């Protein structure tokens, strides 16, 4: 994957990330960096963020997610980069 091509990032965020505006924070950050994103609350308390954009922009988004909104406490982020599918609302590669 070259640095300018569009890629997909599957991001799992752990910590106090539900009930603190984390999904809205993620969407707003993604908008600032020109990234498409779909944050989803998981039953286990984590937030799954599916995002597509340029690798550099995704790295900026991930750095913002590490900070989180004011009342969040991010403990860990796990990221997997894959080939972009063109739709962040498509949760499985098929």
PDB file of N, CA and C in Angstrom:
ATOM      1  N   UNK A   1       0.838  -1.178   0.000  1.00  0.00           N
ATOM      2  CA  UNK A   1       0.000   0.000   0.000  1.00  0.00           C
ATOM      3  C   UNK A   1       0.885   1.244   0.000  1.00  0.00           C
ATOM      4  N   UNK A   2       0.659   2.114  -0.940  1.00  0.00           N
ATOM      5  CA  UNK A   2       1.425   3.352  -0.981  1.00  0.00           C
ATOM      6  C   UNK A   2       0.795   4.377  -0.051  1.00  0.00           C
ATOM      7  N   UNK A   3       1.565   5.392   0.310  1.00  0.00           N
ATOM      8  CA  UNK A   3       1.109   6.340   1.321  1.00  0.00           C
ATOM      9  C   UNK A   3      -0.104   7.154   0.879  1.00  0.00           C
ATOM     10  N   UNK A   4      -0.275   7.404  -0.414  1.00  0.00           N
ATOM     11  CA  UNK A   4      -1.376   8.241  -0.870  1.00  0.00           C
ATOM     12  C   UNK A   4      -2.644   7.492  -1.209  1.00  0.00           C
ATOM     13  N   UNK A   5      -2.595   6.171  -1.230  1.00  0.00           N
ATOM     14  CA  UNK A   5      -3.790   5.428  -1.612  1.00  0.00           C
ATOM     15  C   UNK A   5      -4.772   5.304  -0.449  1.00  0.00           C
ATOM     16  N   UNK A   6      -6.020   5.082  -0.794  1.00  0.00           N
ATOM     17  CA  UNK A   6      -7.061   4.916   0.206  1.00  0.00           C
ATOM     18  C   UNK A   6      -6.977   3.515   0.796  1.00  0.00           C
ATOM     19  N   UNK A   7      -6.987   3.458   2.132  1.00  0.00           N
ATOM     20  CA  UNK A   7      -6.952   2.183   2.831  1.00  0.00           C
ATOM     21  C   UNK A   7      -8.052   2.163   3.895  1.00  0.00           C
ATOM     22  N   UNK A   8      -8.300   0.995   4.423  1.00  0.00           N
ATOM     23  CA  UNK A   8      -9.286   0.802   5.482  1.00  0.00           C
ATOM     24  C   UNK A   8      -8.561   0.542   6.788  1.00  0.00           C
ATOM     25  N   UNK A   9      -9.054   1.146   7.859  1.00  0.00           N
ATOM     26  CA  UNK A   9      -8.533   0.879   9.198  1.00  0.00           C
ATOM     27  C   UNK A   9      -9.679   0.346  10.049  1.00  0.00           C
ATOM     28  N   UNK A  10      -9.431  -0.798  10.662  1.00  0.00           N
ATOM     29  CA  UNK A  10     -10.367  -1.363  11.632  1.00  0.00           C
ATOM     30  C   UNK A  10      -9.755  -1.084  12.997  1.00  0.00           C
ATOM     31  N   UNK A  11     -10.412  -0.234  13.771  1.00  0.00           N
ATOM     32  CA  UNK A  11      -9.842   0.292  15.011  1.00  0.00           C
ATOM     33  C   UNK A  11     -10.718  -0.126  16.194  1.00  0.00           C
ATOM     34  N   UNK A  12     -10.113  -0.817  17.152  1.00  0.00           N
ATOM     35  CA  UNK A  12     -10.808  -1.191  18.380  1.00  0.00           C
ATOM     36  C   UNK A  12     -10.263  -0.333  19.515  1.00  0.00           C
ATOM     37  N   UNK A  13     -11.151   0.401  20.163  1.00  0.00           N
ATOM     38  CA  UNK A  13     -10.749   1.317  21.223  1.00  0.00           C
ATOM     39  C   UNK A  13     -11.298   0.790  22.552  1.00  0.00           C
ATOM     40  N   UNK A  14     -10.395   0.598  23.517  1.00  0.00           N
ATOM     41  CA  UNK A  14     -10.765   0.083  24.837  1.00  0.00           C
ATOM     42  C   UNK A  14     -10.612   1.166  25.889  1.00  0.00           C
ATOM     43  N   UNK A  15     -11.385   1.021  26.957  1.00  0.00           N
ATOM     44  CA  UNK A  15     -11.317   1.952  28.074  1.00  0.00           C
ATOM     45  C   UNK A  15     -12.704   2.471  28.388  1.00  0.00           C
ATOM     46  N   UNK A  16     -12.780   3.645  28.988  1.00  0.00           N
ATOM     47  CA  UNK A  16     -14.079   4.282  29.224  1.00  0.00           C
ATOM     48  C   UNK A  16     -14.400   5.087  27.966  1.00  0.00           C
ATOM     49  N   UNK A  17     -15.058   4.416  27.020  1.00  0.00           N
ATOM     50  CA  UNK A  17     -15.289   5.022  25.711  1.00  0.00           C
ATOM     51  C   UNK A  17     -16.761   4.981  25.290  1.00  0.00           C
ATOM     52  N   UNK A  18     -17.628   4.485  26.162  1.00  0.00           N
ATOM     53  CA  UNK A  18     -19.055   4.526  25.874  1.00  0.00           C
ATOM     54  C   UNK A  18     -19.739   5.437  26.882  1.00  0.00           C
ATOM     55  N   UNK A  19     -20.723   6.185  26.392  1.00  0.00           N
ATOM     56  CA  UNK A  19     -21.445   7.104  27.258  1.00  0.00           C
ATOM     57  C   UNK A  19     -20.699   8.405  27.522  1.00  0.00           C
ATOM     58  N   UNK A  20     -19.670   8.677  26.722  1.00  0.00           N
ATOM     59  CA  UNK A  20     -18.860   9.891  26.919  1.00  0.00           C
ATOM     60  C   UNK A  20     -18.733  10.712  25.635  1.00  0.00           C
ATOM     61  N   UNK A  21     -19.552  10.406  24.630  1.00  0.00           N
ATOM     62  CA  UNK A  21     -19.512  11.148  23.365  1.00  0.00           C
ATOM     63  C   UNK A  21     -18.383  10.712  22.440  1.00  0.00           C
ATOM     64  N   UNK A  22     -17.889   9.497  22.630  1.00  0.00           N
ATOM     65  CA  UNK A  22     -16.745   9.051  21.840  1.00  0.00           C
ATOM     66  C   UNK A  22     -17.077   8.898  20.356  1.00  0.00           C
ATOM     67  N   UNK A  23     -18.253   8.364  20.036  1.00  0.00           N
ATOM     68  CA  UNK A  23     -18.600   8.186  18.619  1.00  0.00           C
ATOM     69  C   UNK A  23     -18.704   9.532  17.898  1.00  0.00           C
ATOM     70  N   UNK A  24     -19.326  10.498  18.529  1.00  0.00           N
ATOM     71  CA  UNK A  24     -19.427  11.836  17.925  1.00  0.00           C
ATOM     72  C   UNK A  24     -18.031  12.442  17.763  1.00  0.00           C
ATOM     73  N   UNK A  25     -17.201  12.284  18.801  1.00  0.00           N
ATOM     74  CA  UNK A  25     -15.814  12.758  18.750  1.00  0.00           C
ATOM     75  C   UNK A  25     -15.082  12.134  17.559  1.00  0.00           C
ATOM     76  N   UNK A  26     -15.260  10.832  17.360  1.00  0.00           N
ATOM     77  CA  UNK A  26     -14.602  10.120  16.253  1.00  0.00           C
ATOM     78  C   UNK A  26     -15.089  10.656  14.905  1.00  0.00           C
ATOM     79  N   UNK A  27     -16.390  10.851  14.765  1.00  0.00           N
ATOM     80  CA  UNK A  27     -16.934  11.376  13.498  1.00  0.00           C
ATOM     81  C   UNK A  27     -16.404  12.779  13.209  1.00  0.00           C
ATOM     82  N   UNK A  28     -16.380  13.626  14.239  1.00  0.00           N
ATOM     83  CA  UNK A  28     -15.891  14.993  14.055  1.00  0.00           C
ATOM     84  C   UNK A  28     -14.413  15.004  13.672  1.00  0.00           C
ATOM     85  N   UNK A  29     -13.615  14.180  14.331  1.00  0.00           N
ATOM     86  CA  UNK A  29     -12.192  14.094  14.002  1.00  0.00           C
ATOM     87  C   UNK A  29     -12.011  13.585  12.575  1.00  0.00           C
ATOM     88  N   UNK A  30     -12.778  12.577  12.205  1.00  0.00           N
ATOM     89  CA  UNK A  30     -12.688  12.026  10.845  1.00  0.00           C
ATOM     90  C   UNK A  30     -13.020  13.095   9.809  1.00  0.00           C
ATOM     91  N   UNK A  31     -14.045  13.887  10.085  1.00  0.00           N
ATOM     92  CA  UNK A  31     -14.410  14.970   9.164  1.00  0.00           C
ATOM     93  C   UNK A  31     -13.250  15.946   8.994  1.00  0.00           C
ATOM     94  N   UNK A  32     -12.578  16.292  10.096  1.00  0.00           N
ATOM     95  CA  UNK A  32     -11.451  17.232  10.026  1.00  0.00           C
ATOM     96  C   UNK A  32     -10.316  16.701   9.161  1.00  0.00           C
ATOM     97  N   UNK A  33     -10.118  15.387   9.164  1.00  0.00           N
ATOM     98  CA  UNK A  33      -9.003  14.786   8.425  1.00  0.00           C
ATOM     99  C   UNK A  33      -9.411  14.217   7.069  1.00  0.00           C
ATOM    100  N   UNK A  34     -10.664  14.427   6.666  1.00  0.00           N
ATOM    101  CA  UNK A  34     -11.120  13.945   5.362  1.00  0.00           C
ATOM    102  C   UNK A  34     -11.227  12.435   5.280  1.00  0.00           C
ATOM    103  N   UNK A  35     -11.629  11.832   6.389  1.00  0.00           N
ATOM    104  CA  UNK A  35     -11.737  10.378   6.484  1.00  0.00           C
ATOM    105  C   UNK A  35     -13.207   9.997   6.650  1.00  0.00           C
ATOM    106  N   UNK A  36     -13.627   8.932   5.983  1.00  0.00           N
ATOM    107  CA  UNK A  36     -14.962   8.382   6.209  1.00  0.00           C
ATOM    108  C   UNK A  36     -14.869   7.453   7.408  1.00  0.00           C
ATOM    109  N   UNK A  37     -15.818   7.545   8.336  1.00  0.00           N
ATOM    110  CA  UNK A  37     -15.744   6.646   9.488  1.00  0.00           C
ATOM    111  C   UNK A  37     -17.119   6.274  10.002  1.00  0.00           C
ATOM    112  N   UNK A  38     -17.172   5.086  10.591  1.00  0.00           N
ATOM    113  CA  UNK A  38     -18.392   4.545  11.177  1.00  0.00           C
ATOM    114  C   UNK A  38     -18.049   3.965  12.545  1.00  0.00           C
ATOM    115  N   UNK A  39     -18.229   4.743  13.623  1.00  0.00           N
ATOM    116  CA  UNK A  39     -17.957   4.232  14.967  1.00  0.00           C
ATOM    117  C   UNK A  39     -19.169   3.482  15.523  1.00  0.00           C
ATOM    118  N   UNK A  40     -18.910   2.344  16.151  1.00  0.00           N
ATOM    119  CA  UNK A  40     -19.983   1.478  16.654  1.00  0.00           C
ATOM    120  C   UNK A  40     -19.654   1.053  18.086  1.00  0.00           C
ATOM    121  N   UNK A  41     -20.617   1.192  18.984  1.00  0.00           N
ATOM    122  CA  UNK A  41     -20.453   0.668  20.340  1.00  0.00           C
ATOM    123  C   UNK A  41     -20.563  -0.852  20.303  1.00  0.00           C
ATOM    124  N   UNK A  42     -19.648  -1.534  20.983  1.00  0.00           N
ATOM    125  CA  UNK A  42     -19.703  -2.981  21.109  1.00  0.00           C
ATOM    126  C   UNK A  42     -20.258  -3.354  22.478  1.00  0.00           C
ATOM    127  N   UNK A  43     -20.834  -4.528  22.565  1.00  0.00           N
ATOM    128  CA  UNK A  43     -21.447  -4.977  23.823  1.00  0.00           C
ATOM    129  C   UNK A  43     -20.440  -5.096  24.962  1.00  0.00           C
ATOM    130  N   UNK A  44     -19.176  -5.320  24.626  1.00  0.00           N
ATOM    131  CA  UNK A  44     -18.158  -5.499  25.673  1.00  0.00           C
ATOM    132  C   UNK A  44     -17.597  -4.178  26.197  1.00  0.00           C
ATOM    133  N   UNK A  45     -18.166  -3.046  25.764  1.00  0.00           N
ATOM    134  CA  UNK A  45     -17.745  -1.736  26.270  1.00  0.00           C
ATOM    135  C   UNK A  45     -16.733  -1.018  25.394  1.00  0.00           C
ATOM    136  N   UNK A  46     -16.209  -1.705  24.379  1.00  0.00           N
ATOM    137  CA  UNK A  46     -15.272  -1.054  23.468  1.00  0.00           C
ATOM    138  C   UNK A  46     -16.043  -0.342  22.361  1.00  0.00           C
ATOM    139  N   UNK A  47     -15.310   0.476  21.606  1.00  0.00           N
ATOM    140  CA  UNK A  47     -15.862   1.109  20.408  1.00  0.00           C
ATOM    141  C   UNK A  47     -15.051   0.607  19.222  1.00  0.00           C
ATOM    142  N   UNK A  48     -15.756   0.180  18.181  1.00  0.00           N
ATOM    143  CA  UNK A  48     -15.144  -0.260  16.931  1.00  0.00           C
ATOM    144  C   UNK A  48     -15.317   0.882  15.937  1.00  0.00           C
ATOM    145  N   UNK A  49     -14.216   1.337  15.359  1.00  0.00           N
ATOM    146  CA  UNK A  49     -14.265   2.419  14.375  1.00  0.00           C
ATOM    147  C   UNK A  49     -13.764   1.853  13.054  1.00  0.00           C
ATOM    148  N   UNK A  50     -14.642   1.853  12.073  1.00  0.00           N
ATOM    149  CA  UNK A  50     -14.278   1.434  10.728  1.00  0.00           C
ATOM    150  C   UNK A  50     -14.068   2.712   9.926  1.00  0.00           C
ATOM    151  N   UNK A  51     -12.874   2.884   9.385  1.00  0.00           N
ATOM    152  CA  UNK A  51     -12.551   4.139   8.706  1.00  0.00           C
ATOM    153  C   UNK A  51     -11.806   3.874   7.415  1.00  0.00           C
ATOM    154  N   UNK A  52     -12.026   4.738   6.435  1.00  0.00           N
ATOM    155  CA  UNK A  52     -11.298   4.672   5.164  1.00  0.00           C
ATOM    156  C   UNK A  52     -10.835   6.058   4.777  1.00  0.00           C
ATOM    157  N   UNK A  53      -9.611   6.103   4.260  1.00  0.00           N
ATOM    158  CA  UNK A  53      -9.029   7.356   3.812  1.00  0.00           C
ATOM    159  C   UNK A  53      -7.568   7.143   3.490  1.00  0.00           C
ATOM    160  N   UNK A  54      -6.865   8.227   3.234  1.00  0.00           N
ATOM    161  CA  UNK A  54      -5.421   8.134   3.006  1.00  0.00           C
ATOM    162  C   UNK A  54      -4.741   7.686   4.283  1.00  0.00           C
ATOM    163  N   UNK A  55      -3.694   6.906   4.167  1.00  0.00           N
ATOM    164  CA  UNK A  55      -3.011   6.352   5.339  1.00  0.00           C
ATOM    165  C   UNK A  55      -2.586   7.451   6.319  1.00  0.00           C
ATOM    166  N   UNK A  56      -2.041   8.556   5.794  1.00  0.00           N
ATOM    167  CA  UNK A  56      -1.612   9.651   6.658  1.00  0.00           C
ATOM    168  C   UNK A  56      -2.790  10.229   7.445  1.00  0.00           C
ATOM    169  N   UNK A  57      -3.930  10.364   6.782  1.00  0.00           N
ATOM    170  CA  UNK A  57      -5.122  10.908   7.438  1.00  0.00           C
ATOM    171  C   UNK A  57      -5.637   9.941   8.496  1.00  0.00           C
ATOM    172  N   UNK A  58      -5.576   8.650   8.205  1.00  0.00           N
ATOM    173  CA  UNK A  58      -6.001   7.658   9.189  1.00  0.00           C
ATOM    174  C   UNK A  58      -5.094   7.681  10.412  1.00  0.00           C
ATOM    175  N   UNK A  59      -3.796   7.879  10.195  1.00  0.00           N
ATOM    176  CA  UNK A  59      -2.858   7.971  11.328  1.00  0.00           C
ATOM    177  C   UNK A  59      -3.194   9.176  12.202  1.00  0.00           C
ATOM    178  N   UNK A  60      -3.555  10.293  11.580  1.00  0.00           N
ATOM    179  CA  UNK A  60      -3.972  11.479  12.341  1.00  0.00           C
ATOM    180  C   UNK A  60      -5.235  11.183  13.149  1.00  0.00           C
ATOM    181  N   UNK A  61      -6.191  10.497  12.521  1.00  0.00           N
ATOM    182  CA  UNK A  61      -7.419  10.117  13.213  1.00  0.00           C
ATOM    183  C   UNK A  61      -7.101   9.220  14.411  1.00  0.00           C
ATOM    184  N   UNK A  62      -6.256   8.228  14.214  1.00  0.00           N
ATOM    185  CA  UNK A  62      -5.898   7.304  15.292  1.00  0.00           C
ATOM    186  C   UNK A  62      -5.257   8.056  16.451  1.00  0.00           C
ATOM    187  N   UNK A  63      -4.397   9.024  16.154  1.00  0.00           N
ATOM    188  CA  UNK A  63      -3.787   9.836  17.219  1.00  0.00           C
ATOM    189  C   UNK A  63      -4.842  10.609  18.004  1.00  0.00           C
ATOM    190  N   UNK A  64      -5.849  11.128  17.315  1.00  0.00           N
ATOM    191  CA  UNK A  64      -6.939  11.833  18.001  1.00  0.00           C
ATOM    192  C   UNK A  64      -7.747  10.862  18.863  1.00  0.00           C
ATOM    193  N   UNK A  65      -8.015   9.667  18.322  1.00  0.00           N
ATOM    194  CA  UNK A  65      -8.791   8.681  19.079  1.00  0.00           C
ATOM    195  C   UNK A  65      -8.058   8.269  20.347  1.00  0.00           C
ATOM    196  N   UNK A  66      -6.732   8.266  20.318  1.00  0.00           N
ATOM    197  CA  UNK A  66      -5.948   7.934  21.522  1.00  0.00           C
ATOM    198  C   UNK A  66      -6.214   8.948  22.635  1.00  0.00           C
ATOM    199  N   UNK A  67      -6.472  10.196  22.258  1.00  0.00           N
ATOM    200  CA  UNK A  67      -6.775  11.248  23.235  1.00  0.00           C
ATOM    201  C   UNK A  67      -8.213  11.125  23.723  1.00  0.00           C
ATOM    202  N   UNK A  68      -9.151  10.960  22.782  1.00  0.00           N
ATOM    203  CA  UNK A  68     -10.564  10.857  23.114  1.00  0.00           C
ATOM    204  C   UNK A  68     -11.151  12.161  23.585  1.00  0.00           C
ATOM    205  N   UNK A  69     -12.473  12.185  23.770  1.00  0.00           N
ATOM    206  CA  UNK A  69     -13.138  13.382  24.279  1.00  0.00           C
ATOM    207  C   UNK A  69     -12.838  13.556  25.776  1.00  0.00           C
ATOM    208  N   UNK A  70     -13.251  14.658  26.324  1.00  0.00           N
ATOM    209  CA  UNK A  70     -12.925  15.056  27.694  1.00  0.00           C
ATOM    210  C   UNK A  70     -13.175  13.972  28.740  1.00  0.00           C
ATOM    211  N   UNK A  71     -14.328  13.321  28.722  1.00  0.00           N
ATOM    212  CA  UNK A  71     -14.681  12.386  29.783  1.00  0.00           C
ATOM    213  C   UNK A  71     -14.310  10.936  29.476  1.00  0.00           C
ATOM    214  N   UNK A  72     -13.683  10.718  28.344  1.00  0.00           N
ATOM    215  CA  UNK A  72     -13.240   9.364  27.999  1.00  0.00           C
ATOM    216  C   UNK A  72     -11.886   9.076  28.636  1.00  0.00           C
ATOM    217  N   UNK A  73     -11.596   7.801  28.770  1.00  0.00           N
ATOM    218  CA  UNK A  73     -10.265   7.359  29.195  1.00  0.00           C
ATOM    219  C   UNK A  73      -9.888   6.189  28.293  1.00  0.00           C
ATOM    220  N   UNK A  74      -9.084   6.473  27.277  1.00  0.00           N
ATOM    221  CA  UNK A  74      -8.671   5.441  26.322  1.00  0.00           C
ATOM    222  C   UNK A  74      -7.523   4.651  26.936  1.00  0.00           C
ATOM    223  N   UNK A  75      -7.716   3.350  27.063  1.00  0.00           N
ATOM    224  CA  UNK A  75      -6.682   2.477  27.612  1.00  0.00           C
ATOM    225  C   UNK A  75      -5.831   1.841  26.527  1.00  0.00           C
ATOM    226  N   UNK A  76      -6.473   1.468  25.408  1.00  0.00           N
ATOM    227  CA  UNK A  76      -5.736   0.772  24.354  1.00  0.00           C
ATOM    228  C   UNK A  76      -6.450   0.958  23.026  1.00  0.00           C
ATOM    229  N   UNK A  77      -5.647   0.943  21.965  1.00  0.00           N
ATOM    230  CA  UNK A  77      -6.182   0.981  20.601  1.00  0.00           C
ATOM    231  C   UNK A  77      -5.480  -0.103  19.809  1.00  0.00           C
ATOM    232  N   UNK A  78      -6.272  -0.911  19.116  1.00  0.00           N
ATOM    233  CA  UNK A  78      -5.739  -1.954  18.248  1.00  0.00           C
ATOM    234  C   UNK A  78      -6.191  -1.626  16.830  1.00  0.00           C
ATOM    235  N   UNK A  79      -5.244  -1.536  15.899  1.00  0.00           N
ATOM    236  CA  UNK A  79      -5.549  -1.120  14.528  1.00  0.00           C
ATOM    237  C   UNK A  79      -5.092  -2.181  13.539  1.00  0.00           C
ATOM    238  N   UNK A  80      -5.962  -2.477  12.585  1.00  0.00           N
ATOM    239  CA  UNK A  80      -5.617  -3.349  11.469  1.00  0.00           C
ATOM    240  C   UNK A  80      -5.902  -2.584  10.185  1.00  0.00           C
ATOM    241  N   UNK A  81      -4.896  -2.476   9.317  1.00  0.00           N
ATOM    242  CA  UNK A  81      -5.063  -1.824   8.020  1.00  0.00           C
ATOM    243  C   UNK A  81      -5.305  -2.897   6.960  1.00  0.00           C
ATOM    244  N   UNK A  82      -6.292  -2.644   6.106  1.00  0.00           N
ATOM    245  CA  UNK A  82      -6.599  -3.551   5.002  1.00  0.00           C
ATOM    246  C   UNK A  82      -6.914  -2.732   3.758  1.00  0.00           C
ATOM    247  N   UNK A  83      -7.233  -3.417   2.706  1.00  0.00           N
ATOM    248  CA  UNK A  83      -7.614  -2.769   1.454  1.00  0.00           C
ATOM    249  C   UNK A  83      -8.973  -2.087   1.616  1.00  0.00           C
ATOM    250  N   UNK A  84      -9.094  -0.885   1.106  1.00  0.00           N
ATOM    251  CA  UNK A  84     -10.359  -0.143   1.181  1.00  0.00           C
ATOM    252  C   UNK A  84     -11.425  -0.828   0.346  1.00  0.00           C
ATOM    253  N   UNK A  85     -12.664  -0.801   0.849  1.00  0.00           N
ATOM    254  CA  UNK A  85     -13.789  -1.372   0.126  1.00  0.00           C
ATOM    255  C   UNK A  85     -14.717  -0.300  -0.433  1.00  0.00           C
ATOM    256  N   UNK A  86     -14.485   0.967  -0.021  1.00  0.00           N
ATOM    257  CA  UNK A  86     -15.288   2.069  -0.542  1.00  0.00           C
ATOM    258  C   UNK A  86     -16.573   2.326   0.215  1.00  0.00           C
ATOM    259  N   UNK A  87     -16.779   1.614   1.335  1.00  0.00           N
ATOM    260  CA  UNK A  87     -17.999   1.801   2.106  1.00  0.00           C
ATOM    261  C   UNK A  87     -17.734   1.421   3.561  1.00  0.00           C
ATOM    262  N   UNK A  88     -17.676   2.401   4.451  1.00  0.00           N
ATOM    263  CA  UNK A  88     -17.402   2.117   5.863  1.00  0.00           C
ATOM    264  C   UNK A  88     -18.614   1.533   6.581  1.00  0.00           C
ATOM    265  N   UNK A  89     -19.739   1.467   5.894  1.00  0.00           N
ATOM    266  CA  UNK A  89     -20.929   0.866   6.504  1.00  0.00           C
ATOM    267  C   UNK A  89     -21.029  -0.619   6.145  1.00  0.00           C
ATOM    268  N   UNK A  90     -20.119  -1.082   5.317  1.00  0.00           N
ATOM    269  CA  UNK A  90     -20.013  -2.507   4.984  1.00  0.00           C
ATOM    270  C   UNK A  90     -19.043  -3.108   5.992  1.00  0.00           C
ATOM    271  N   UNK A  91     -19.568  -3.886   6.936  1.00  0.00           N
ATOM    272  CA  UNK A  91     -18.755  -4.340   8.059  1.00  0.00           C
ATOM    273  C   UNK A  91     -17.932  -5.589   7.770  1.00  0.00           C
ATOM    274  N   UNK A  92     -18.254  -6.329   6.754  1.00  0.00           N
ATOM    275  CA  UNK A  92     -17.446  -7.513   6.461  1.00  0.00           C
ATOM    276  C   UNK A  92     -16.944  -7.440   5.034  1.00  0.00           C
ATOM    277  N   UNK A  93     -15.744  -7.956   4.798  1.00  0.00           N
ATOM    278  CA  UNK A  93     -15.175  -7.866   3.447  1.00  0.00           C
ATOM    279  C   UNK A  93     -15.903  -8.740   2.437  1.00  0.00           C
ATOM    280  N   UNK A  94     -16.910  -9.443   2.836  1.00  0.00           N
ATOM    281  CA  UNK A  94     -17.713 -10.180   1.880  1.00  0.00           C
ATOM    282  C   UNK A  94     -17.498 -11.623   2.013  1.00  0.00           C
TER     283      UNK A  94
END
